[in-house]
């Protein structure tokens, strides 16, 4: 049960990471636009980088979840095999 909560917490933060990446990218871009007077281009660029960082985080979380599911399946198959083979005698 503890493992389930750990996985939920790890994967549950992905949405937050996506939103924060976009917000931070947009904030930094806007700050640079104001200081450099570039008319909004850096805000757009910052948001784009934020989206890219968020998508990267989603991709990495999906890979991690897939690896965890494959490991769980492997362990389950081993346990079934042990049960099926059982002690001989």
C-alpha atoms as a PDB file:
ATOM      1  CA  UNK A   1       0.000   0.000   0.000  1.00  0.00           C
ATOM      2  CA  UNK A   2       2.843   2.362   0.829  1.00  0.00           C
ATOM      3  CA  UNK A   3       4.277   1.858  -2.658  1.00  0.00           C
ATOM      4  CA  UNK A   4       0.939   2.888  -4.214  1.00  0.00           C
ATOM      5  CA  UNK A   5       0.939   6.199  -2.357  1.00  0.00           C
ATOM      6  CA  UNK A   6       4.560   6.840  -3.274  1.00  0.00           C
ATOM      7  CA  UNK A   7       3.801   6.312  -6.976  1.00  0.00           C
ATOM      8  CA  UNK A   8       0.706   8.473  -6.787  1.00  0.00           C
ATOM      9  CA  UNK A   9       2.666  11.313  -5.229  1.00  0.00           C
ATOM     10  CA  UNK A  10       5.448  11.011  -7.774  1.00  0.00           C
ATOM     11  CA  UNK A  11       3.084  10.992 -10.761  1.00  0.00           C
ATOM     12  CA  UNK A  12       0.584  13.397  -9.254  1.00  0.00           C
ATOM     13  CA  UNK A  13       3.084  16.250  -9.322  1.00  0.00           C
ATOM     14  CA  UNK A  14       3.536  16.071 -13.094  1.00  0.00           C
ATOM     15  CA  UNK A  15       0.584  18.381 -13.746  1.00  0.00           C
ATOM     16  CA  UNK A  16       1.902  20.871 -11.242  1.00  0.00           C
ATOM     17  CA  UNK A  17       5.322  20.712 -12.864  1.00  0.00           C
ATOM     18  CA  UNK A  18       3.785  21.369 -16.286  1.00  0.00           C
ATOM     19  CA  UNK A  19       1.850  24.413 -15.078  1.00  0.00           C
ATOM     20  CA  UNK A  20       4.788  25.834 -13.139  1.00  0.00           C
ATOM     21  CA  UNK A  21       7.127  25.391 -16.114  1.00  0.00           C
ATOM     22  CA  UNK A  22       4.822  27.419 -18.348  1.00  0.00           C
ATOM     23  CA  UNK A  23       4.249  30.091 -15.694  1.00  0.00           C
ATOM     24  CA  UNK A  24       7.938  30.495 -14.858  1.00  0.00           C
ATOM     25  CA  UNK A  25       8.881  30.606 -18.549  1.00  0.00           C
ATOM     26  CA  UNK A  26       6.218  33.226 -19.221  1.00  0.00           C
ATOM     27  CA  UNK A  27       7.210  35.265 -16.175  1.00  0.00           C
ATOM     28  CA  UNK A  28      10.884  35.333 -17.115  1.00  0.00           C
ATOM     29  CA  UNK A  29      10.019  36.178 -20.726  1.00  0.00           C
ATOM     30  CA  UNK A  30       7.750  39.013 -19.625  1.00  0.00           C
ATOM     31  CA  UNK A  31      10.374  40.348 -17.244  1.00  0.00           C
ATOM     32  CA  UNK A  32      12.936  40.370 -20.045  1.00  0.00           C
ATOM     33  CA  UNK A  33      10.436  42.000 -22.418  1.00  0.00           C
ATOM     34  CA  UNK A  34       9.866  44.817 -19.945  1.00  0.00           C
ATOM     35  CA  UNK A  35      13.585  45.382 -19.386  1.00  0.00           C
ATOM     36  CA  UNK A  36      14.626  45.084 -23.010  1.00  0.00           C
ATOM     37  CA  UNK A  37      11.501  46.508 -24.655  1.00  0.00           C
ATOM     38  CA  UNK A  38      11.165  43.653 -27.129  1.00  0.00           C
ATOM     39  CA  UNK A  39       7.379  43.871 -27.448  1.00  0.00           C
ATOM     40  CA  UNK A  40       6.257  40.475 -26.210  1.00  0.00           C
ATOM     41  CA  UNK A  41       8.509  38.184 -28.220  1.00  0.00           C
ATOM     42  CA  UNK A  42      10.487  37.019 -25.227  1.00  0.00           C
ATOM     43  CA  UNK A  43       7.282  36.295 -23.295  1.00  0.00           C
ATOM     44  CA  UNK A  44       6.169  34.056 -26.130  1.00  0.00           C
ATOM     45  CA  UNK A  45       9.578  32.422 -26.259  1.00  0.00           C
ATOM     46  CA  UNK A  46       9.545  31.911 -22.484  1.00  0.00           C
ATOM     47  CA  UNK A  47       6.109  30.289 -22.609  1.00  0.00           C
ATOM     48  CA  UNK A  48       7.281  28.041 -25.468  1.00  0.00           C
ATOM     49  CA  UNK A  49      10.311  26.946 -23.448  1.00  0.00           C
ATOM     50  CA  UNK A  50       8.022  26.359 -20.468  1.00  0.00           C
ATOM     51  CA  UNK A  51       5.716  24.180 -22.552  1.00  0.00           C
ATOM     52  CA  UNK A  52       8.724  22.248 -23.870  1.00  0.00           C
ATOM     53  CA  UNK A  53      10.002  21.698 -20.327  1.00  0.00           C
ATOM     54  CA  UNK A  54       6.538  20.581 -19.204  1.00  0.00           C
ATOM     55  CA  UNK A  55       6.172  18.144 -22.087  1.00  0.00           C
ATOM     56  CA  UNK A  56       9.617  16.766 -21.283  1.00  0.00           C
ATOM     57  CA  UNK A  57       8.500  16.228 -17.683  1.00  0.00           C
ATOM     58  CA  UNK A  58       5.362  14.419 -18.895  1.00  0.00           C
ATOM     59  CA  UNK A  59       7.430  12.222 -21.190  1.00  0.00           C
ATOM     60  CA  UNK A  60       9.887  11.323 -18.443  1.00  0.00           C
ATOM     61  CA  UNK A  61       7.039  10.537 -16.023  1.00  0.00           C
ATOM     62  CA  UNK A  62       5.421   8.283 -18.626  1.00  0.00           C
ATOM     63  CA  UNK A  63       8.715   6.459 -19.145  1.00  0.00           C
ATOM     64  CA  UNK A  64       9.156   6.024 -15.390  1.00  0.00           C
ATOM     65  CA  UNK A  65       5.581   4.736 -15.022  1.00  0.00           C
ATOM     66  CA  UNK A  66       6.137   2.266 -17.850  1.00  0.00           C
ATOM     67  CA  UNK A  67       9.346   0.972 -16.264  1.00  0.00           C
ATOM     68  CA  UNK A  68       7.597   0.594 -12.907  1.00  0.00           C
ATOM     69  CA  UNK A  69       4.676  -1.267 -14.490  1.00  0.00           C
ATOM     70  CA  UNK A  70       7.033  -3.598 -16.350  1.00  0.00           C
ATOM     71  CA  UNK A  71       8.964  -4.297 -13.138  1.00  0.00           C
ATOM     72  CA  UNK A  72       5.704  -4.997 -11.292  1.00  0.00           C
ATOM     73  CA  UNK A  73       4.598  -7.393 -14.058  1.00  0.00           C
ATOM     74  CA  UNK A  74       7.958  -9.164 -13.982  1.00  0.00           C
ATOM     75  CA  UNK A  75       7.756  -9.669 -10.220  1.00  0.00           C
ATOM     76  CA  UNK A  76       4.183 -10.881 -10.487  1.00  0.00           C
ATOM     77  CA  UNK A  77       5.128 -13.436 -13.156  1.00  0.00           C
ATOM     78  CA  UNK A  78       7.970 -14.696 -10.957  1.00  0.00           C
ATOM     79  CA  UNK A  79       5.639 -15.074  -7.984  1.00  0.00           C
ATOM     80  CA  UNK A  80       3.061 -16.944 -10.074  1.00  0.00           C
ATOM     81  CA  UNK A  81       5.780 -19.248 -11.369  1.00  0.00           C
ATOM     82  CA  UNK A  82       6.997 -19.962  -7.821  1.00  0.00           C
ATOM     83  CA  UNK A  83       3.435 -20.707  -6.720  1.00  0.00           C
ATOM     84  CA  UNK A  84       2.711 -22.860  -9.759  1.00  0.00           C
ATOM     85  CA  UNK A  85       5.934 -24.850  -9.520  1.00  0.00           C
ATOM     86  CA  UNK A  86       5.680 -25.166  -5.730  1.00  0.00           C
ATOM     87  CA  UNK A  87       7.667 -27.619  -3.670  1.00  0.00           C
ATOM     88  CA  UNK A  88       8.108 -31.001  -5.322  1.00  0.00           C
ATOM     89  CA  UNK A  89       7.897 -34.081  -3.291  1.00  0.00           C
END
